[in-house]
């Protein structure tokens, strides 16, 4: 007899699981409650005033965590800070300031402070060495010095490099093709040693393109100096840019443009909270992908943006950028298995609609 269990929560949204025995069904239900019960913690979110960081802060507050934001506001915005969260203005390069913040009695930390432009990393690798690698070492040392043993780290699927198969899973070889991806991979190596030697448990979350804005419209501070496609499309739609560039339309894809795996920032934020819950309950580290397993092409994004915004969005096709693979997509089967996480909001319409709402709201304030 096959038993069907239908579960519903934030991470397992209307998920149906066919099972072969009542015992299996009981075990799954028990696991479901394990996933959905969240341990409220006092959490330090480093880089919590930035685009992704502010969404993670909002998610943690929504789940009942106490939050303190540590940010130097180099790319973060004061308007992205919430009154429910404490704010400390500080830099991860200031070790004394980090230790002082960590001494305030946190149960865990989330690390989102990094330089992240892949192209720039190939021109000024020294900036990425200092900000990403040295800055993270400062964080790790400060956590160890103050007895904080849980860390959620914002990694990147850039650690994989050129895809050898799709969708990319966690067993895929890690051969980064840019210095940004190299820094993320090196940090993961260092964290593994800190786990082994210092008992610092971490969750490393590897994801590709993050887009969209808070589903409930509570965050309107725009990403500063965006390098990703959707915010560039939004800038062309709102009139900040006269036109946008499409880098190559002769790839081996259905419409000739590159395909990328896009994850909505609200989905990503939920995964950060779920990952912290996992390492807290299991007392062990975790490295997982976050994605949809499929992808959207550049032309699909542009056409969807024209439809949703009602704007013409001028786009000029130019030459390919060196090192751009035709297709990238990440498998998140392990995230579903271990965290009960699956993307809910990462369809193209929600990605574009929530972005457009944020951009029009910001334009109205000017």
Protein backbone atom coordinates (compact mmCIF):
# COMPACT_ATOMS: atom_id res chain seq x y z
CA UNK A 1 0.00 0.00 0.00
CA UNK A 2 1.31 3.44 -0.88
CA UNK A 3 0.78 6.17 1.71
CA UNK A 4 0.62 9.80 0.61
CA UNK A 5 1.62 12.50 3.07
CA UNK A 6 0.95 16.11 2.11
CA UNK A 7 2.91 18.64 4.14
CA UNK A 8 2.66 22.38 4.24
CA UNK A 9 4.94 24.94 5.86
CA UNK A 10 7.20 27.76 4.70
CA UNK A 11 9.95 25.43 3.54
CA UNK A 12 7.76 22.51 2.35
CA UNK A 13 4.96 24.25 0.49
CA UNK A 14 2.16 21.81 -0.34
CA UNK A 15 4.70 19.07 -0.91
CA UNK A 16 3.29 15.60 -1.58
CA UNK A 17 5.44 12.56 -0.70
CA UNK A 18 4.51 9.01 -1.80
CA UNK A 19 5.61 6.47 0.84
CA UNK A 20 5.42 2.69 1.07
CA UNK A 21 4.53 2.24 4.72
CA UNK A 22 2.78 3.92 7.61
CA UNK A 23 6.10 3.91 9.50
CA UNK A 24 7.74 5.91 6.73
CA UNK A 25 4.84 8.32 6.82
CA UNK A 26 5.20 8.77 10.58
CA UNK A 27 8.92 9.39 10.27
CA UNK A 28 8.36 12.01 7.57
CA UNK A 29 5.75 13.82 9.66
CA UNK A 30 8.16 13.83 12.61
CA UNK A 31 10.86 15.24 10.36
CA UNK A 32 8.42 17.85 9.08
CA UNK A 33 7.82 19.19 12.58
CA UNK A 34 11.59 19.12 13.15
CA UNK A 35 12.08 21.32 10.08
CA UNK A 36 9.26 23.72 10.88
CA UNK A 37 10.09 24.28 14.54
CA UNK A 38 12.51 27.20 14.65
CA UNK A 39 14.84 27.90 17.55
CA UNK A 40 14.76 31.66 18.24
CA UNK A 41 18.29 33.02 18.64
CA UNK A 42 20.18 36.22 19.25
CA UNK A 43 21.90 36.68 15.90
CA UNK A 44 24.59 39.02 14.59
CA UNK A 45 24.02 39.68 10.88
CA UNK A 46 27.18 41.08 9.32
CA UNK A 47 26.40 43.05 6.18
CA UNK A 48 22.74 43.28 7.19
CA UNK A 49 22.12 46.72 5.65
CA UNK A 50 22.86 45.57 2.09
CA UNK A 51 20.48 44.27 -0.55
CA UNK A 52 20.57 40.61 0.44
CA UNK A 53 21.43 41.36 4.06
CA UNK A 54 18.37 43.51 4.69
CA UNK A 55 16.11 40.76 3.37
CA UNK A 56 17.83 38.20 5.60
CA UNK A 57 17.35 40.53 8.58
CA UNK A 58 13.65 40.88 7.76
CA UNK A 59 13.26 37.10 7.53
CA UNK A 60 15.03 36.52 10.84
CA UNK A 61 12.89 39.14 12.57
CA UNK A 62 9.75 37.60 11.07
CA UNK A 63 10.78 34.22 12.51
CA UNK A 64 11.22 35.66 16.00
CA UNK A 65 15.00 35.95 16.15
CA UNK A 66 16.63 38.86 17.94
CA UNK A 67 18.87 40.62 15.42
CA UNK A 68 21.83 42.99 15.53
CA UNK A 69 23.17 44.36 12.23
CA UNK A 70 26.92 45.00 11.86
CA UNK A 71 27.65 46.99 8.68
CA UNK A 72 30.06 49.68 7.49
CA UNK A 73 27.43 51.07 5.06
CA UNK A 74 29.89 51.01 2.15
CA UNK A 75 27.14 49.47 0.02
CA UNK A 76 24.41 49.06 2.62
CA UNK A 77 21.80 51.72 3.32
CA UNK A 78 20.40 53.16 6.53
CA UNK A 79 16.93 53.02 5.00
CA UNK A 80 17.30 49.22 4.91
CA UNK A 81 17.63 49.07 8.70
CA UNK A 82 14.62 48.03 10.76
CA UNK A 83 13.71 49.59 14.12
CA UNK A 84 13.33 46.12 15.65
CA UNK A 85 17.01 45.38 14.99
CA UNK A 86 19.99 46.92 16.78
CA UNK A 87 22.57 48.55 14.49
CA UNK A 88 26.34 48.70 14.97
CA UNK A 89 28.33 50.75 12.46
CA UNK A 90 31.58 48.88 11.95
CA UNK A 91 33.93 47.22 9.49
CA UNK A 92 35.00 43.60 9.32
CA UNK A 93 38.53 44.93 8.79
CA UNK A 94 38.42 46.40 12.31
CA UNK A 95 39.09 43.35 14.44
CA UNK A 96 38.67 45.20 17.73
CA UNK A 97 35.23 46.44 16.67
CA UNK A 98 34.25 42.92 15.60
CA UNK A 99 35.26 41.41 18.93
CA UNK A 100 33.45 44.17 20.83
CA UNK A 101 30.29 43.42 18.86
CA UNK A 102 30.61 39.66 19.30
CA UNK A 103 30.97 40.07 23.08
CA UNK A 104 27.35 41.22 23.27
CA UNK A 105 26.23 37.63 23.68
CA UNK A 106 25.13 36.20 20.34
CA UNK A 107 24.07 32.63 19.67
CA UNK A 108 25.03 32.79 16.00
CA UNK A 109 26.26 35.00 13.18
CA UNK A 110 25.39 35.41 9.50
CA UNK A 111 28.16 36.66 7.19
CA UNK A 112 27.04 38.62 4.10
CA UNK A 113 29.82 41.22 3.94
CA UNK A 114 31.94 40.79 0.82
CA UNK A 115 32.94 42.27 -2.51
CA UNK A 116 31.02 40.34 -5.15
CA UNK A 117 31.58 41.57 -8.72
CA UNK A 118 33.19 38.70 -10.62
CA UNK A 119 34.53 40.92 -13.41
CA UNK A 120 36.05 43.42 -10.99
CA UNK A 121 37.73 40.60 -9.08
CA UNK A 122 39.83 39.83 -12.16
CA UNK A 123 41.05 43.42 -12.34
CA UNK A 124 41.65 44.22 -8.66
CA UNK A 125 42.16 40.83 -6.94
CA UNK A 126 43.87 42.57 -4.02
CA UNK A 127 40.53 44.17 -3.05
CA UNK A 128 38.91 40.73 -2.96
CA UNK A 129 41.79 39.20 -1.05
CA UNK A 130 41.45 41.82 1.68
CA UNK A 131 37.67 42.21 1.85
CA UNK A 132 36.66 38.61 1.33
CA UNK A 133 39.44 36.41 2.66
CA UNK A 134 41.09 38.60 5.31
CA UNK A 135 37.75 40.03 6.39
CA UNK A 136 36.29 36.56 6.86
CA UNK A 137 39.31 35.40 8.83
CA UNK A 138 38.71 38.37 11.15
CA UNK A 139 35.11 37.25 11.58
CA UNK A 140 36.07 33.64 12.27
CA UNK A 141 38.68 34.66 14.82
CA UNK A 142 36.28 37.06 16.55
CA UNK A 143 33.61 34.34 16.76
CA UNK A 144 36.08 31.88 18.25
CA UNK A 145 37.44 34.44 20.71
CA UNK A 146 33.94 35.19 22.01
CA UNK A 147 32.56 31.64 21.99
CA UNK A 148 30.08 31.93 19.10
CA UNK A 149 29.96 28.52 17.40
CA UNK A 150 27.39 28.93 14.61
CA UNK A 151 27.88 30.79 11.33
CA UNK A 152 25.80 31.02 8.15
CA UNK A 153 28.00 32.06 5.23
CA UNK A 154 26.93 33.57 1.93
CA UNK A 155 28.97 31.60 -0.58
CA UNK A 156 28.48 31.37 -4.34
CA UNK A 157 27.98 28.86 -7.11
CA UNK A 158 30.94 30.67 -8.73
CA UNK A 159 33.07 28.14 -6.81
CA UNK A 160 32.17 25.56 -9.50
CA UNK A 161 33.42 27.39 -12.57
CA UNK A 162 32.60 26.07 -16.05
CA UNK A 163 29.78 23.51 -15.71
CA UNK A 164 30.69 19.93 -16.57
CA UNK A 165 27.03 18.89 -16.28
CA UNK A 166 23.69 20.51 -15.44
CA UNK A 167 22.10 21.11 -13.10
CA UNK A 168 25.17 21.53 -10.90
CA UNK A 169 25.03 19.64 -7.62
CA UNK A 170 27.29 19.79 -4.58
CA UNK A 171 29.49 16.97 -5.95
CA UNK A 172 30.41 18.98 -9.04
CA UNK A 173 34.16 19.78 -9.28
CA UNK A 174 35.10 23.17 -7.86
CA UNK A 175 37.32 24.96 -10.39
CA UNK A 176 36.43 28.67 -10.15
CA UNK A 177 36.97 30.74 -13.28
CA UNK A 178 37.18 34.12 -11.57
CA UNK A 179 38.95 35.42 -8.49
CA UNK A 180 35.67 36.16 -6.70
CA UNK A 181 34.73 32.47 -6.90
CA UNK A 182 38.23 31.55 -5.76
CA UNK A 183 37.86 33.70 -2.61
CA UNK A 184 34.57 32.02 -1.74
CA UNK A 185 36.06 28.56 -2.18
CA UNK A 186 39.10 29.44 -0.10
CA UNK A 187 36.83 30.71 2.67
CA UNK A 188 34.96 27.40 2.61
CA UNK A 189 38.28 25.56 2.99
CA UNK A 190 39.22 27.76 5.94
CA UNK A 191 35.82 27.26 7.59
CA UNK A 192 36.21 23.49 7.34
CA UNK A 193 39.44 23.78 9.33
CA UNK A 194 37.81 26.03 11.93
CA UNK A 195 35.01 23.48 12.27
CA UNK A 196 37.55 20.69 12.75
CA UNK A 197 39.91 22.58 15.07
CA UNK A 198 37.66 25.04 16.88
CA UNK A 199 34.19 23.47 16.77
CA UNK A 200 32.75 26.36 14.72
CA UNK A 201 29.81 24.90 12.81
CA UNK A 202 28.91 26.65 9.57
CA UNK A 203 26.36 26.56 6.77
CA UNK A 204 27.81 27.58 3.41
CA UNK A 205 25.10 28.53 0.92
CA UNK A 206 26.06 28.42 -2.76
CA UNK A 207 23.74 30.26 -5.12
CA UNK A 208 23.86 31.98 -8.49
CA UNK A 209 21.81 35.08 -9.36
CA UNK A 210 19.71 36.70 -6.63
CA UNK A 211 16.92 39.04 -7.68
CA UNK A 212 13.57 40.51 -6.66
CA UNK A 213 12.54 42.39 -3.54
CA UNK A 214 10.58 41.59 -0.40
CA UNK A 215 7.27 39.97 -1.33
CA UNK A 216 5.44 42.27 1.12
CA UNK A 217 7.19 45.39 -0.16
CA UNK A 218 8.88 46.28 3.12
CA UNK A 219 12.34 46.93 1.63
CA UNK A 220 12.83 49.72 -0.87
CA UNK A 221 16.50 50.67 -0.60
CA UNK A 222 17.95 49.76 -3.98
CA UNK A 223 21.10 47.75 -4.53
CA UNK A 224 24.06 50.08 -5.04
CA UNK A 225 26.04 49.86 -8.31
CA UNK A 226 24.31 46.67 -9.49
CA UNK A 227 26.16 44.35 -11.85
CA UNK A 228 23.46 41.69 -12.26
CA UNK A 229 20.96 41.52 -15.12
CA UNK A 230 17.60 42.21 -13.49
CA UNK A 231 18.55 45.43 -11.67
CA UNK A 232 20.22 46.63 -14.88
CA UNK A 233 16.98 45.88 -16.76
CA UNK A 234 15.08 47.82 -14.07
CA UNK A 235 17.41 50.80 -14.47
CA UNK A 236 16.74 50.78 -18.22
CA UNK A 237 13.00 50.56 -17.59
CA UNK A 238 12.95 53.41 -15.06
CA UNK A 239 15.19 55.67 -17.19
CA UNK A 240 18.42 55.57 -15.17
CA UNK A 241 20.08 53.95 -18.20
CA UNK A 242 19.35 54.88 -21.81
CA UNK A 243 19.70 51.23 -22.82
CA UNK A 244 21.10 47.93 -21.65
CA UNK A 245 23.50 45.50 -23.29
CA UNK A 246 22.92 41.87 -24.14
CA UNK A 247 26.31 40.19 -24.24
CA UNK A 248 25.99 37.75 -27.13
CA UNK A 249 22.97 36.18 -28.81
CA UNK A 250 24.71 33.28 -30.54
CA UNK A 251 25.02 30.82 -27.64
CA UNK A 252 23.79 27.23 -27.84
CA UNK A 253 20.48 28.04 -26.14
CA UNK A 254 16.91 28.22 -27.51
CA UNK A 255 17.06 32.00 -28.10
CA UNK A 256 20.84 32.39 -28.36
CA UNK A 257 21.30 34.24 -25.05
CA UNK A 258 22.80 32.96 -21.81
CA UNK A 259 20.63 31.07 -19.33
CA UNK A 260 21.07 31.62 -15.60
CA UNK A 261 19.43 30.25 -12.48
CA UNK A 262 17.64 33.08 -10.66
CA UNK A 263 16.53 32.83 -7.05
CA UNK A 264 14.20 35.30 -5.41
CA UNK A 265 15.80 37.10 -2.48
CA UNK A 266 12.87 36.15 -0.22
CA UNK A 267 13.50 32.47 -0.99
CA UNK A 268 17.19 32.98 -0.33
CA UNK A 269 16.49 34.67 3.01
CA UNK A 270 14.28 31.80 4.13
CA UNK A 271 17.14 29.41 3.32
CA UNK A 272 19.52 31.36 5.57
CA UNK A 273 17.14 30.97 8.49
CA UNK A 274 16.55 27.29 7.73
CA UNK A 275 20.31 26.66 7.49
CA UNK A 276 20.94 28.24 10.88
CA UNK A 277 18.18 26.10 12.35
CA UNK A 278 19.76 22.99 10.82
CA UNK A 279 23.28 23.51 12.16
CA UNK A 280 21.86 24.46 15.57
CA UNK A 281 19.80 21.28 15.85
CA UNK A 282 22.37 18.93 14.33
CA UNK A 283 25.60 20.47 15.62
CA UNK A 284 27.33 19.90 12.32
CA UNK A 285 28.28 21.95 9.29
CA UNK A 286 26.52 22.11 5.96
CA UNK A 287 27.33 23.07 2.36
CA UNK A 288 24.40 23.29 -0.04
CA UNK A 289 23.28 24.79 -3.32
CA UNK A 290 20.26 27.06 -3.59
CA UNK A 291 18.53 27.36 -6.94
CA UNK A 292 15.60 26.34 -9.09
CA UNK A 293 17.45 23.71 -11.14
CA UNK A 294 16.35 25.35 -14.41
CA UNK A 295 17.00 28.90 -15.55
CA UNK A 296 15.91 31.93 -17.54
CA UNK A 297 17.59 33.41 -20.60
CA UNK A 298 18.58 37.06 -20.94
CA UNK A 299 15.92 37.59 -23.61
CA UNK A 300 13.27 35.92 -21.44
CA UNK A 301 14.10 38.33 -18.61
CA UNK A 302 13.99 41.37 -20.90
CA UNK A 303 10.70 40.33 -22.54
CA UNK A 304 9.11 39.61 -19.16
CA UNK A 305 10.26 43.00 -17.90
CA UNK A 306 8.74 44.74 -20.92
CA UNK A 307 5.45 42.95 -20.30
CA UNK A 308 5.31 43.58 -16.54
CA UNK A 309 6.54 47.19 -16.58
CA UNK A 310 4.92 48.30 -19.83
CA UNK A 311 8.21 49.99 -20.77
CA UNK A 312 10.11 49.49 -24.06
CA UNK A 313 13.50 48.79 -22.36
CA UNK A 314 15.97 49.44 -25.20
CA UNK A 315 18.51 46.61 -25.48
CA UNK A 316 21.61 46.50 -27.64
CA UNK A 317 23.24 43.18 -28.54
CA UNK A 318 27.01 43.35 -28.19
CA UNK A 319 29.82 40.78 -28.20
CA UNK A 320 30.19 37.96 -25.73
CA UNK A 321 31.98 38.52 -22.45
CA UNK A 322 34.99 36.26 -21.89
CA UNK A 323 34.25 33.29 -19.66
CA UNK A 324 30.45 33.44 -19.85
CA UNK A 325 29.10 29.85 -20.09
CA UNK A 326 25.94 29.34 -22.13
CA UNK A 327 23.95 27.76 -19.30
CA UNK A 328 24.14 27.67 -15.51
CA UNK A 329 21.67 26.04 -13.15
CA UNK A 330 22.01 24.69 -9.62
CA UNK A 331 20.36 21.59 -8.20
CA UNK A 332 18.86 22.23 -4.76
CA UNK A 333 17.76 18.65 -4.04
CA UNK A 334 20.04 18.51 -1.01
CA UNK A 335 18.50 21.71 0.36
CA UNK A 336 15.06 20.12 0.10
CA UNK A 337 16.28 16.91 1.72
CA UNK A 338 18.15 18.51 4.62
CA UNK A 339 16.34 21.81 5.16
CA UNK A 340 12.93 21.19 3.68
CA UNK A 341 13.67 24.23 1.49
CA UNK A 342 12.36 24.83 -2.00
CA UNK A 343 12.06 28.08 -3.96
CA UNK A 344 8.51 29.47 -3.84
CA UNK A 345 8.83 32.93 -5.36
CA UNK A 346 11.50 32.49 -8.03
CA UNK A 347 9.30 32.50 -11.14
CA UNK A 348 10.03 35.26 -13.63
CA UNK A 349 6.91 37.30 -12.95
CA UNK A 350 7.57 37.58 -9.20
CA UNK A 351 11.23 38.37 -9.80
CA UNK A 352 10.31 41.22 -12.15
CA UNK A 353 7.17 42.44 -10.38
CA UNK A 354 8.76 42.82 -6.94
CA UNK A 355 11.84 44.48 -8.49
CA UNK A 356 9.72 46.93 -10.45
CA UNK A 357 7.68 47.82 -7.36
CA UNK A 358 10.88 48.61 -5.46
CA UNK A 359 12.29 50.73 -8.28
CA UNK A 360 9.08 52.70 -8.82
CA UNK A 361 8.77 53.27 -5.06
CA UNK A 362 12.35 54.57 -4.93
CA UNK A 363 11.74 56.80 -7.97
CA UNK A 364 8.67 58.30 -6.29
CA UNK A 365 10.83 59.39 -3.33
CA UNK A 366 13.21 61.41 -5.49
